[in-house]
C-alpha cells in the first residue's frame, strides 16, 4: 500500500554514494566522443586540453554543489537548490527539462548504446534489422532490447534502494576495473612512432578532414571549435549530480554527499584523461577522428588486444552502460517525487511504495524513456543535453552566491573551497561555453531552449491548478 507519509530510509554510505557519482557519469560517451572531438580540434594537445578544461569544470561544479547539498540534505537535489536560491519557477524549469530531455533522453541513449554493443556479440539484436514497422516508424531488436533493459532496471529499483545499491556498486566496480585494464594494457601496447607523430604538432588547431588535411580556423572560430569539442566531453561528464537527488537516502548527507561528489568526479576525470592518452598511444589522429561509427574505443582495443579487442570492448561498454542506466533510473525518480510534493508533477509520483521508493515516478520515467527509444529521436535530444545541463549547472552555482547573501547565517556544514574564486571561474567558463554554442553551434542550442521555454506555460498551468487546489497533471 502506498503512502504519502512514508519517508526515505538513509541506507547508503559514502562508498555507495561515490559509486553512484562515478557509475552515473561513465556511460557510453568516453568510448565514442573522442572521434568528434578530434575532428573539431585536429590535434593531440587540444584534445587533452579540452578534457582537462571539462574535468576542472566538473570538479569545480561538484564541490560547489557540496555546499548546497549540506544546506539542503534531502531528496530532489538540484531542483531544490534552484527553487531555494531563485524561486519555484526556476526550479520547475529545471525539473521539466530534466524530465523532458536531460534524464530520460540520457537513459534512452545509454540503453540503445547497450544494445548496439550487444550486437557485436549477438548480431540478432542489430539496429540494422527491422522487426516490424508502424507507418514510417521501423522498430529494431536493438530498440526492443534497450526498452527491456530500462524496464528491468526500473522494476529492480521499485523493490527498494538496496537492490539498486547492490547493482550500482557491483557494476561500477567492474566498470572501473575494466577501464583500468584498458588503460594499463593500452599504455603497454604504445606505438612509439604513432605517439611521436600525434604530438609532433600538438597545438595546431583546425578541423581534421577525412583525407587527412587540416582546415585552419579563422579568428574566434577557434573558440567555437573548442566549445563544439566540449559538447562531447561535457556529455561524458554529466550526471554526477544524480547523487544529490537521493540525499534523503544517504547516511550523514551533510558530509557524505559533498565528499562523494568530489571523489567521484576526481576519479572519473583521471580515468577519462588516461583513456584518451591510450587512444593517442595506439591510434593515429586520423584513425581517432574517423573510427568506424565513431567507435574509437573499439579501434584502440583492437590495437591493444588484437581481434579479441572487439569482444572485450563490447563487454566493457555493456557493463558500463548497464551500470550507468541503473544509476540514472535510481536517482531520477527522486526529482519527480519532490516536484510532486510541491504539486508540480503527477500527484502519485509524490508517494512511496512499501519499499520506500517512488515507484510511480520510476514507471513514468521508464515509459517516457522507452518512447524516446522507439522514436529514434534520443540522438537529437542529446545534441541539446550538454547546453541545457551546463546552463542549469551555471544557474545553480550562481545560486551559491545568492544564498550566501540571502541566508548569511544559514548552517553550512560544508563550504565551497576557494570561495568565491572557484565557483566564479566555473560560472565564467560555463557562460563562455554556452555563448559560444549560441554563436557557432545553434543546432545544439535552439531545441534545448525550446524545451526549457515550454516549461513556462506548464508552470503557469500548475499555478492555476494549485489555486483550484488541484495538482498539475493530476492522474485521477
Protein backbone atom coordinates (compact mmCIF):
# COMPACT_ATOMS: atom_id res chain seq x y z
CA UNK A 1 0.00 0.00 0.00
CA UNK A 2 1.35 3.41 -0.93
CA UNK A 3 1.50 6.29 1.48
CA UNK A 4 2.24 9.95 1.14
CA UNK A 5 3.58 9.96 4.71
CA UNK A 6 6.35 7.43 4.18
CA UNK A 7 9.87 8.82 4.23
CA UNK A 8 13.09 7.79 2.53
CA UNK A 9 15.35 5.47 4.51
CA UNK A 10 19.02 6.54 4.87
CA UNK A 11 20.79 3.34 3.80
CA UNK A 12 23.64 4.47 1.51
CA UNK A 13 27.16 5.08 2.80
CA UNK A 14 30.00 7.15 1.34
CA UNK A 15 31.22 4.30 -0.88
CA UNK A 16 27.71 3.74 -2.23
CA UNK A 17 27.28 7.45 -2.95
CA UNK A 18 30.68 7.66 -4.68
CA UNK A 19 29.78 4.65 -6.82
CA UNK A 20 26.56 6.40 -7.86
CA UNK A 21 28.53 9.51 -8.87
CA UNK A 22 31.12 7.56 -10.88
CA UNK A 23 28.68 5.00 -12.24
CA UNK A 24 26.22 7.63 -13.45
CA UNK A 25 28.97 9.59 -15.20
CA UNK A 26 30.64 6.72 -17.04
CA UNK A 27 28.27 5.50 -19.73
CA UNK A 28 28.97 5.24 -23.46
CA UNK A 29 30.44 8.71 -24.02
CA UNK A 30 34.09 8.03 -23.18
CA UNK A 31 34.12 5.20 -25.72
CA UNK A 32 32.93 7.28 -28.70
CA UNK A 33 33.07 11.07 -28.26
CA UNK A 34 36.83 11.42 -28.86
CA UNK A 35 36.21 10.96 -32.59
CA UNK A 36 34.01 14.03 -32.97
CA UNK A 37 36.26 15.96 -30.60
CA UNK A 38 39.31 15.16 -32.69
CA UNK A 39 37.54 16.20 -35.89
CA UNK A 40 36.81 19.57 -34.26
CA UNK A 41 40.29 20.34 -32.85
CA UNK A 42 42.56 18.23 -35.07
CA UNK A 43 45.47 17.76 -32.62
CA UNK A 44 46.53 15.75 -29.59
CA UNK A 45 47.28 18.72 -27.35
CA UNK A 46 43.93 20.35 -27.86
CA UNK A 47 42.08 17.04 -27.39
CA UNK A 48 43.70 16.58 -23.98
CA UNK A 49 43.29 20.25 -23.05
CA UNK A 50 39.54 20.11 -23.76
CA UNK A 51 39.27 17.10 -21.43
CA UNK A 52 41.29 18.95 -18.76
CA UNK A 53 39.04 22.03 -19.03
CA UNK A 54 35.94 19.84 -18.78
CA UNK A 55 37.42 17.91 -15.85
CA UNK A 56 38.26 21.12 -14.00
CA UNK A 57 34.76 22.48 -14.61
CA UNK A 58 33.18 19.21 -13.46
CA UNK A 59 35.15 19.04 -10.20
CA UNK A 60 34.65 22.78 -9.54
CA UNK A 61 30.90 22.42 -10.04
CA UNK A 62 30.74 19.27 -7.91
CA UNK A 63 32.50 20.78 -4.89
CA UNK A 64 30.31 23.88 -5.19
CA UNK A 65 27.23 21.64 -5.13
CA UNK A 66 28.65 20.16 -1.93
CA UNK A 67 27.76 23.36 -0.07
CA UNK A 68 24.20 23.26 -1.39
CA UNK A 69 23.80 19.57 -0.58
CA UNK A 70 24.91 20.24 3.00
CA UNK A 71 22.39 23.10 3.30
CA UNK A 72 19.52 21.07 1.82
CA UNK A 73 20.26 17.40 2.58
CA UNK A 74 17.04 15.99 1.20
CA UNK A 75 15.67 14.34 -1.92
CA UNK A 76 15.38 16.48 -5.04
CA UNK A 77 18.90 17.87 -5.24
CA UNK A 78 19.37 20.46 -7.96
CA UNK A 79 15.63 21.10 -8.25
CA UNK A 80 15.57 22.07 -4.56
CA UNK A 81 18.72 24.22 -4.82
CA UNK A 82 17.32 26.26 -7.71
CA UNK A 83 13.97 26.68 -6.02
CA UNK A 84 15.60 27.88 -2.80
CA UNK A 85 18.14 30.18 -4.48
CA UNK A 86 15.74 31.73 -7.01
CA UNK A 87 12.07 30.85 -6.96
CA UNK A 88 9.74 27.91 -7.71
CA UNK A 89 9.59 28.86 -11.42
CA UNK A 90 13.33 28.32 -11.99
CA UNK A 91 13.16 25.08 -10.03
CA UNK A 92 10.27 23.90 -12.18
CA UNK A 93 12.00 24.83 -15.44
CA UNK A 94 14.89 22.62 -14.38
CA UNK A 95 12.58 19.79 -13.28
CA UNK A 96 10.68 19.97 -16.56
CA UNK A 97 13.89 20.00 -18.64
CA UNK A 98 15.19 17.14 -16.50
CA UNK A 99 12.14 15.04 -17.32
CA UNK A 100 11.82 16.06 -20.97
CA UNK A 101 15.44 15.74 -22.11
CA UNK A 102 18.21 15.58 -19.52
CA UNK A 103 17.41 12.35 -17.67
CA UNK A 104 15.01 10.45 -19.91
CA UNK A 105 16.95 11.27 -23.08
CA UNK A 106 20.17 10.11 -21.47
CA UNK A 107 18.53 6.92 -20.21
CA UNK A 108 17.27 6.20 -23.74
CA UNK A 109 20.64 6.89 -25.36
CA UNK A 110 22.55 4.78 -22.85
CA UNK A 111 20.02 1.96 -23.28
CA UNK A 112 20.42 1.98 -27.05
CA UNK A 113 24.21 2.10 -26.66
CA UNK A 114 23.95 -1.07 -24.57
CA UNK A 115 22.00 -2.73 -27.38
CA UNK A 116 24.35 -1.57 -30.12
CA UNK A 117 27.36 -3.10 -28.44
CA UNK A 118 25.46 -6.24 -27.50
CA UNK A 119 25.06 -6.69 -31.26
CA UNK A 120 28.83 -7.21 -31.52
CA UNK A 121 28.36 -10.46 -29.61
CA UNK A 122 24.84 -11.29 -30.77
CA UNK A 123 24.12 -9.94 -34.28
CA UNK A 124 20.47 -10.93 -33.87
CA UNK A 125 19.89 -7.71 -31.90
CA UNK A 126 21.41 -5.43 -34.52
CA UNK A 127 19.92 -1.99 -35.05
CA UNK A 128 20.02 -2.70 -38.80
CA UNK A 129 17.35 -5.41 -38.53
CA UNK A 130 13.69 -4.37 -38.77
CA UNK A 131 11.42 -6.42 -36.54
CA UNK A 132 8.26 -4.63 -37.56
CA UNK A 133 7.08 -1.26 -38.83
CA UNK A 134 4.32 1.10 -37.79
CA UNK A 135 3.88 3.50 -40.68
CA UNK A 136 7.24 5.16 -41.22
CA UNK A 137 8.50 4.02 -37.81
CA UNK A 138 10.78 0.98 -38.02
CA UNK A 139 11.44 -0.96 -34.82
CA UNK A 140 14.72 -2.84 -34.47
CA UNK A 141 15.78 -5.56 -31.99
CA UNK A 142 18.25 -3.03 -30.54
CA UNK A 143 15.40 -0.69 -29.62
CA UNK A 144 13.40 -3.53 -28.08
CA UNK A 145 16.38 -4.73 -26.04
CA UNK A 146 17.07 -1.19 -24.79
CA UNK A 147 13.48 -0.94 -23.57
CA UNK A 148 13.70 -4.36 -21.91
CA UNK A 149 16.82 -3.22 -20.02
CA UNK A 150 15.16 0.04 -18.93
CA UNK A 151 12.02 -1.82 -17.77
CA UNK A 152 14.10 -4.43 -15.93
CA UNK A 153 16.20 -1.85 -14.08
CA UNK A 154 13.09 0.17 -13.25
CA UNK A 155 11.39 -2.93 -11.84
CA UNK A 156 14.51 -3.76 -9.83
CA UNK A 157 14.60 -0.28 -8.32
CA UNK A 158 10.94 -0.44 -7.31
CA UNK A 159 11.92 -3.23 -4.92
CA UNK A 160 13.94 -0.90 -2.73
CA UNK A 161 17.10 1.17 -2.64
CA UNK A 162 19.20 -1.81 -1.51
CA UNK A 163 18.69 -3.62 -4.81
CA UNK A 164 19.68 -0.54 -6.78
CA UNK A 165 22.67 -0.02 -4.48
CA UNK A 166 23.96 -3.57 -4.99
CA UNK A 167 23.64 -3.35 -8.78
CA UNK A 168 25.30 0.07 -8.83
CA UNK A 169 28.22 -0.88 -6.61
CA UNK A 170 28.89 -4.16 -8.43
CA UNK A 171 28.69 -2.82 -11.97
CA UNK A 172 30.60 0.37 -11.18
CA UNK A 173 33.38 -1.66 -9.57
CA UNK A 174 33.59 -3.97 -12.60
CA UNK A 175 33.42 -0.94 -14.90
CA UNK A 176 36.28 0.83 -13.13
CA UNK A 177 38.43 -2.31 -13.06
CA UNK A 178 37.76 -2.85 -16.78
CA UNK A 179 38.73 0.73 -17.61
CA UNK A 180 41.90 0.41 -15.54
CA UNK A 181 42.68 -2.75 -17.53
CA UNK A 182 42.15 -0.93 -20.82
CA UNK A 183 44.42 1.89 -19.62
CA UNK A 184 47.21 -0.41 -18.40
CA UNK A 185 47.24 -2.74 -21.40
CA UNK A 186 46.70 0.14 -23.80
CA UNK A 187 49.72 2.01 -22.50
CA UNK A 188 51.74 -1.22 -22.59
CA UNK A 189 50.82 -1.51 -26.27
CA UNK A 190 52.03 2.03 -27.03
CA UNK A 191 53.33 2.55 -30.55
CA UNK A 192 56.25 4.95 -30.29
CA UNK A 193 56.02 6.10 -33.89
CA UNK A 194 52.28 6.78 -33.58
CA UNK A 195 52.73 8.58 -30.25
CA UNK A 196 55.51 10.81 -31.56
CA UNK A 197 53.62 11.61 -34.77
CA UNK A 198 50.48 12.51 -32.79
CA UNK A 199 52.38 15.00 -30.63
CA UNK A 200 54.50 16.50 -33.42
CA UNK A 201 52.11 19.41 -34.00
CA UNK A 202 50.19 19.09 -30.76
CA UNK A 203 48.95 22.70 -30.61
CA UNK A 204 47.92 23.29 -34.21
CA UNK A 205 44.16 23.58 -34.02
CA UNK A 206 41.93 23.06 -37.05
CA UNK A 207 39.23 20.81 -38.48
CA UNK A 208 40.68 17.38 -39.29
CA UNK A 209 39.24 16.27 -42.64
CA UNK A 210 38.62 12.73 -43.84
CA UNK A 211 41.52 12.97 -46.32
CA UNK A 212 43.93 13.79 -43.50
CA UNK A 213 44.25 17.51 -44.22
CA UNK A 214 43.56 20.14 -41.57
CA UNK A 215 41.45 23.22 -42.25
CA UNK A 216 42.63 26.10 -40.06
CA UNK A 217 40.09 28.19 -38.18
CA UNK A 218 39.94 31.96 -38.52
CA UNK A 219 39.64 34.32 -35.55
CA UNK A 220 37.06 33.49 -32.91
CA UNK A 221 36.06 30.35 -34.81
CA UNK A 222 38.83 28.70 -32.77
CA UNK A 223 36.77 29.24 -29.62
CA UNK A 224 33.68 27.91 -31.39
CA UNK A 225 35.61 24.74 -32.29
CA UNK A 226 36.71 24.29 -28.68
CA UNK A 227 33.10 24.68 -27.50
CA UNK A 228 31.91 22.18 -30.13
CA UNK A 229 34.56 19.70 -28.98
CA UNK A 230 33.49 20.22 -25.38
CA UNK A 231 29.96 19.07 -26.23
CA UNK A 232 31.33 15.52 -26.28
CA UNK A 233 33.44 15.79 -23.13
CA UNK A 234 30.67 17.58 -21.23
CA UNK A 235 28.11 14.96 -22.24
CA UNK A 236 30.50 12.27 -20.97
CA UNK A 237 30.93 14.13 -17.68
CA UNK A 238 27.35 14.92 -16.70
CA UNK A 239 25.01 13.11 -14.29
CA UNK A 240 27.38 13.36 -11.30
CA UNK A 241 24.70 15.48 -9.64
CA UNK A 242 22.40 12.43 -9.58
CA UNK A 243 23.66 11.65 -6.08
CA UNK A 244 22.12 14.90 -4.81
CA UNK A 245 18.67 13.67 -5.87
CA UNK A 246 18.86 10.80 -3.36
CA UNK A 247 20.34 12.80 -0.46
CA UNK A 248 17.41 11.69 1.70
CA UNK A 249 18.65 8.09 1.41
CA UNK A 250 22.31 8.76 2.24
CA UNK A 251 23.71 8.39 5.74
CA UNK A 252 25.10 11.64 7.13
CA UNK A 253 24.23 13.52 3.91
CA UNK A 254 25.70 16.81 5.12
CA UNK A 255 29.14 15.19 4.90
CA UNK A 256 28.84 12.28 2.51
CA UNK A 257 27.04 13.91 -0.43
CA UNK A 258 29.67 16.63 -0.89
CA UNK A 259 32.57 14.22 -0.33
CA UNK A 260 31.16 11.67 -2.79
CA UNK A 261 30.76 14.42 -5.40
CA UNK A 262 34.43 15.36 -5.07
CA UNK A 263 35.77 11.79 -5.00
CA UNK A 264 33.57 10.52 -7.82
CA UNK A 265 34.25 13.38 -10.23
CA UNK A 266 38.00 13.29 -9.48
CA UNK A 267 38.23 9.55 -10.13
CA UNK A 268 36.30 9.79 -13.39
CA UNK A 269 38.27 12.81 -14.62
CA UNK A 270 41.56 10.95 -14.10
CA UNK A 271 40.19 7.88 -15.88
CA UNK A 272 38.94 9.93 -18.83
CA UNK A 273 42.31 11.60 -19.31
CA UNK A 274 44.11 8.27 -19.11
CA UNK A 275 41.78 6.64 -21.65
CA UNK A 276 42.38 9.47 -24.12
CA UNK A 277 46.14 9.04 -23.67
CA UNK A 278 45.60 5.39 -24.62
CA UNK A 279 43.82 6.44 -27.80
CA UNK A 280 46.74 8.71 -28.67
CA UNK A 281 49.25 5.99 -27.83
CA UNK A 282 47.90 3.40 -30.26
CA UNK A 283 45.95 5.26 -32.99
CA UNK A 284 46.97 7.99 -35.45
CA UNK A 285 44.93 11.19 -35.21
CA UNK A 286 43.04 10.38 -38.41
CA UNK A 287 42.04 6.94 -37.08
CA UNK A 288 40.75 8.53 -33.87
CA UNK A 289 38.73 11.11 -35.80
CA UNK A 290 37.32 8.68 -38.34
CA UNK A 291 36.93 5.44 -36.43
CA UNK A 292 34.03 3.38 -37.81
CA UNK A 293 30.77 4.81 -36.44
CA UNK A 294 32.93 6.89 -34.03
CA UNK A 295 33.71 3.76 -32.01
CA UNK A 296 37.22 4.88 -31.21
CA UNK A 297 37.49 2.60 -28.17
CA UNK A 298 36.88 -0.42 -30.40
CA UNK A 299 39.66 0.66 -32.76
CA UNK A 300 42.04 1.28 -29.83
CA UNK A 301 41.14 -2.01 -28.18
CA UNK A 302 41.85 -3.91 -31.38
CA UNK A 303 45.31 -2.37 -31.44
CA UNK A 304 45.92 -3.21 -27.76
CA UNK A 305 44.38 -6.70 -27.64
CA UNK A 306 44.16 -7.88 -31.26
CA UNK A 307 40.99 -9.39 -32.69
CA UNK A 308 39.63 -10.23 -29.28
CA UNK A 309 39.65 -6.49 -28.59
CA UNK A 310 36.21 -6.04 -30.16
CA UNK A 311 34.69 -8.59 -27.79
CA UNK A 312 36.46 -7.10 -24.78
CA UNK A 313 35.34 -3.56 -25.52
CA UNK A 314 31.79 -4.70 -26.29
CA UNK A 315 31.59 -6.40 -22.88
CA UNK A 316 33.09 -3.31 -21.20
CA UNK A 317 30.54 -1.00 -22.79
CA UNK A 318 27.68 -3.34 -21.94
CA UNK A 319 28.80 -3.35 -18.31
CA UNK A 320 29.36 0.41 -18.37
CA UNK A 321 26.00 1.31 -19.89
CA UNK A 322 24.06 -1.16 -17.73
CA UNK A 323 25.52 0.28 -14.53
CA UNK A 324 25.15 3.84 -15.80
CA UNK A 325 21.46 3.39 -16.54
CA UNK A 326 20.86 1.86 -13.14
CA UNK A 327 22.25 5.00 -11.52
CA UNK A 328 20.23 7.29 -13.77
CA UNK A 329 16.99 5.37 -13.22
CA UNK A 330 17.52 5.04 -9.46
CA UNK A 331 18.09 8.75 -8.89
CA UNK A 332 15.85 10.41 -11.47
CA UNK A 333 12.53 9.48 -9.91
CA UNK A 334 13.51 11.26 -6.69
CA UNK A 335 13.29 14.60 -8.50
CA UNK A 336 9.77 13.85 -9.72
CA UNK A 337 8.84 12.82 -6.16
CA UNK A 338 9.94 16.19 -4.77
CA UNK A 339 8.19 18.08 -7.60
CA UNK A 340 5.00 16.14 -6.92
CA UNK A 341 5.22 17.10 -3.25
CA UNK A 342 5.26 20.71 -4.49
CA UNK A 343 2.23 19.84 -6.65
CA UNK A 344 4.19 20.38 -9.85
CA UNK A 345 4.07 16.83 -11.23
CA UNK A 346 1.77 13.81 -11.25
CA UNK A 347 0.31 13.56 -7.75
CA UNK A 348 1.09 9.86 -7.27
CA UNK A 349 4.76 10.47 -8.05
CA UNK A 350 4.87 12.04 -4.59
CA UNK A 351 4.05 8.76 -2.84
CA UNK A 352 6.42 5.98 -1.76
CA UNK A 353 5.62 2.30 -2.05
CA UNK A 354 6.07 -0.29 0.72
CA UNK A 355 9.79 -0.41 -0.12
CA UNK A 356 10.12 3.36 0.50
CA UNK A 357 10.85 4.23 -3.13
CA UNK A 358 8.85 6.46 -5.54
CA UNK A 359 7.55 3.61 -7.69
CA UNK A 360 5.07 5.73 -9.66
CA UNK A 361 7.80 8.22 -10.61
CA UNK A 362 10.07 5.36 -11.65
CA UNK A 363 7.46 3.98 -14.04
CA UNK A 364 6.61 7.39 -15.54
CA UNK A 365 10.31 7.90 -16.23
CA UNK A 366 10.51 4.38 -17.69
CA UNK A 367 7.59 4.96 -20.07
CA UNK A 368 8.92 8.27 -21.37
CA UNK A 369 12.47 6.97 -21.84
CA UNK A 370 11.08 3.91 -23.64
CA UNK A 371 9.08 6.12 -26.01
CA UNK A 372 12.28 8.01 -26.82
CA UNK A 373 13.94 4.68 -27.61
CA UNK A 374 11.14 3.83 -30.03
CA UNK A 375 11.05 7.27 -31.61
CA UNK A 376 14.71 7.22 -32.54
CA UNK A 377 14.84 10.90 -31.53
CA UNK A 378 17.03 10.39 -28.47
CA UNK A 379 20.10 11.28 -30.54
CA UNK A 380 18.59 14.64 -31.48
CA UNK A 381 17.71 15.28 -27.85
CA UNK A 382 21.23 14.51 -26.68
CA UNK A 383 22.65 17.17 -29.00
CA UNK A 384 20.86 19.58 -26.69
CA UNK A 385 21.80 17.92 -23.40
CA UNK A 386 25.24 19.49 -22.96
CA UNK A 387 23.94 23.03 -23.46
CA UNK A 388 20.89 22.62 -21.22
CA UNK A 389 22.82 20.82 -18.49
CA UNK A 390 25.62 23.39 -18.35
CA UNK A 391 23.06 26.22 -18.38
CA UNK A 392 21.42 24.84 -15.25
CA UNK A 393 24.78 23.97 -13.66
CA UNK A 394 25.75 27.61 -14.08
CA UNK A 395 22.48 28.88 -12.60
CA UNK A 396 22.85 26.50 -9.67
CA UNK A 397 26.39 27.62 -8.86
CA UNK A 398 25.34 31.27 -9.12
CA UNK A 399 22.83 30.16 -6.51
CA UNK A 400 25.73 29.59 -4.10
CA UNK A 401 26.47 33.33 -4.28
CA UNK A 402 22.77 34.23 -3.98
CA UNK A 403 22.25 32.05 -0.91
CA UNK A 404 25.40 33.40 0.77
CA UNK A 405 23.77 36.83 0.51
CA UNK A 406 20.14 35.83 1.19
CA UNK A 407 20.93 33.48 4.06
CA UNK A 408 24.28 34.51 5.52
CA UNK A 409 23.55 32.82 8.85
CA UNK A 410 22.27 29.54 7.45
CA UNK A 411 24.02 26.39 8.63
CA UNK A 412 26.75 25.37 6.19
CA UNK A 413 28.42 22.19 7.46
CA UNK A 414 30.45 22.16 4.24
CA UNK A 415 31.58 25.27 2.38
CA UNK A 416 32.78 25.61 -1.21
CA UNK A 417 36.60 25.56 -1.21
CA UNK A 418 38.35 28.66 -2.55
CA UNK A 419 35.08 30.61 -2.48
CA UNK A 420 34.38 32.90 -4.31
CA UNK A 421 37.20 32.25 -6.80
CA UNK A 422 36.47 28.63 -7.74
CA UNK A 423 32.72 28.97 -8.38
CA UNK A 424 33.31 32.29 -10.17
CA UNK A 425 35.78 30.65 -12.55
CA UNK A 426 33.24 27.90 -13.26
CA UNK A 427 30.49 30.43 -13.98
CA UNK A 428 32.75 32.32 -16.40
CA UNK A 429 33.80 29.14 -18.24
CA UNK A 430 30.24 27.83 -18.37
CA UNK A 431 28.92 31.16 -19.66
CA UNK A 432 31.61 31.22 -22.35
CA UNK A 433 30.73 27.63 -23.35
CA UNK A 434 27.01 28.45 -23.65
CA UNK A 435 27.58 31.72 -25.54
CA UNK A 436 29.99 30.10 -27.99
CA UNK A 437 27.47 27.37 -28.75
CA UNK A 438 24.78 30.03 -29.30
CA UNK A 439 27.01 31.83 -31.81
CA UNK A 440 28.68 28.91 -33.54
CA UNK A 441 26.59 25.76 -32.99
CA UNK A 442 22.94 26.84 -32.94
CA UNK A 443 21.80 23.29 -33.69
CA UNK A 444 22.96 22.33 -30.18
CA UNK A 445 21.06 25.22 -28.63
CA UNK A 446 17.72 26.02 -30.26
CA UNK A 447 15.99 22.75 -29.47
CA UNK A 448 17.20 22.87 -25.89
CA UNK A 449 15.95 26.42 -25.39
CA UNK A 450 12.58 25.46 -26.89
CA UNK A 451 12.23 22.60 -24.40
CA UNK A 452 13.12 24.88 -21.49
CA UNK A 453 10.71 27.54 -22.77
CA UNK A 454 7.87 25.01 -22.87
CA UNK A 455 8.20 24.88 -19.13
CA UNK A 456 6.86 28.42 -18.74
CA UNK A 457 3.25 27.71 -19.81
CA UNK A 458 3.30 24.40 -17.95
CA UNK A 459 4.34 26.18 -14.76
CA UNK A 460 1.56 28.75 -15.02
CA UNK A 461 -0.94 25.99 -15.70
CA UNK A 462 0.33 24.36 -12.50
CA UNK A 463 -0.09 27.59 -10.57
CA UNK A 464 -3.63 27.99 -11.87
CA UNK A 465 -4.45 24.42 -10.86
CA UNK A 466 -2.95 24.99 -7.41
CA UNK A 467 -5.31 27.89 -6.85
CA UNK A 468 -8.10 25.46 -7.56
CA UNK A 469 -6.49 23.04 -5.07
CA UNK A 470 -5.66 20.58 -7.84
CA UNK A 471 -2.12 19.36 -8.60
CA UNK A 472 -0.62 19.67 -12.06
CA UNK A 473 -1.48 16.80 -14.36
CA UNK A 474 -3.42 15.06 -11.59
CA UNK A 475 -3.68 11.44 -12.65
CA UNK A 476 -7.18 10.95 -11.25
